[in-house]
Amino acid sequence: MDYLHYNPVKHQLVKQIKDWPYSTFHRYVKQGVYDENWAVEVLLEPCDFGDG
């Protein structure tokens, strides 16, 4: 199901899964299977591991 739910994001139809109205993802969120923010990209600051 992860693969199916993520396809609209993968193909750049939406930025987040919750924005695709035709997905069963919304049903699974209501059932508590997925969090509404599942697979939302988290941007982290670059780290200098091993420098210094």
Protein backbone atom coordinates (compact mmCIF):
# COMPACT_ATOMS: atom_id res chain seq x y z
CA MET A 1 0.00 0.00 0.00
CA ASP A 2 2.92 2.35 0.65
CA TYR A 3 3.92 2.09 -3.01
CA LEU A 4 0.40 2.86 -4.23
CA HIS A 5 -0.12 5.74 -1.85
CA TYR A 6 3.22 7.34 -2.70
CA ASN A 7 2.79 7.21 -6.51
CA PRO A 8 1.08 10.63 -6.92
CA VAL A 9 4.02 12.23 -5.07
CA LYS A 10 6.59 10.21 -7.02
CA HIS A 11 5.08 11.38 -10.30
CA GLN A 12 4.91 15.00 -9.06
CA LEU A 13 1.12 15.26 -9.21
CA VAL A 14 1.08 16.53 -5.60
CA LYS A 15 3.69 17.48 -3.02
CA GLN A 16 2.13 15.45 -0.20
CA ILE A 17 0.03 12.31 -0.23
CA LYS A 18 -2.74 14.00 1.72
CA ASP A 19 -3.20 16.41 -1.21
CA TRP A 20 -4.29 13.61 -3.61
CA PRO A 21 -8.08 13.41 -3.18
CA TYR A 22 -8.53 10.09 -5.04
CA SER A 23 -6.41 8.01 -2.68
CA THR A 24 -7.48 5.37 -0.18
CA PHE A 25 -4.79 6.96 2.00
CA HIS A 26 -7.48 9.17 3.58
CA ARG A 27 -9.47 6.11 4.67
CA TYR A 28 -6.36 4.60 6.26
CA VAL A 29 -5.64 7.85 8.12
CA LYS A 30 -9.17 7.77 9.57
CA GLN A 31 -8.61 4.14 10.64
CA GLY A 32 -5.32 5.07 12.33
CA VAL A 33 -3.16 2.98 9.98
CA TYR A 34 -1.25 6.01 8.66
CA ASP A 35 -0.44 9.36 10.18
CA GLU A 36 -1.67 12.26 8.02
CA ASN A 37 1.95 13.38 7.56
CA TRP A 38 3.24 9.95 6.52
CA ALA A 39 6.10 10.22 4.01
CA VAL A 40 6.34 14.00 4.26
CA GLU A 41 9.85 15.05 3.33
CA VAL A 42 11.92 16.36 6.22
CA LEU A 43 14.68 18.75 5.27
CA LEU A 44 17.66 18.69 7.59
CA GLU A 45 20.58 21.06 7.88
CA PRO A 46 23.80 19.63 6.42
CA CYS A 47 26.19 18.24 9.02
CA ASP A 48 29.97 18.23 8.92
CA PHE A 49 30.53 14.70 10.19
CA GLY A 50 34.19 13.91 10.57
CA ASP A 51 35.43 17.47 10.00
CA GLY A 52 37.76 18.53 12.75
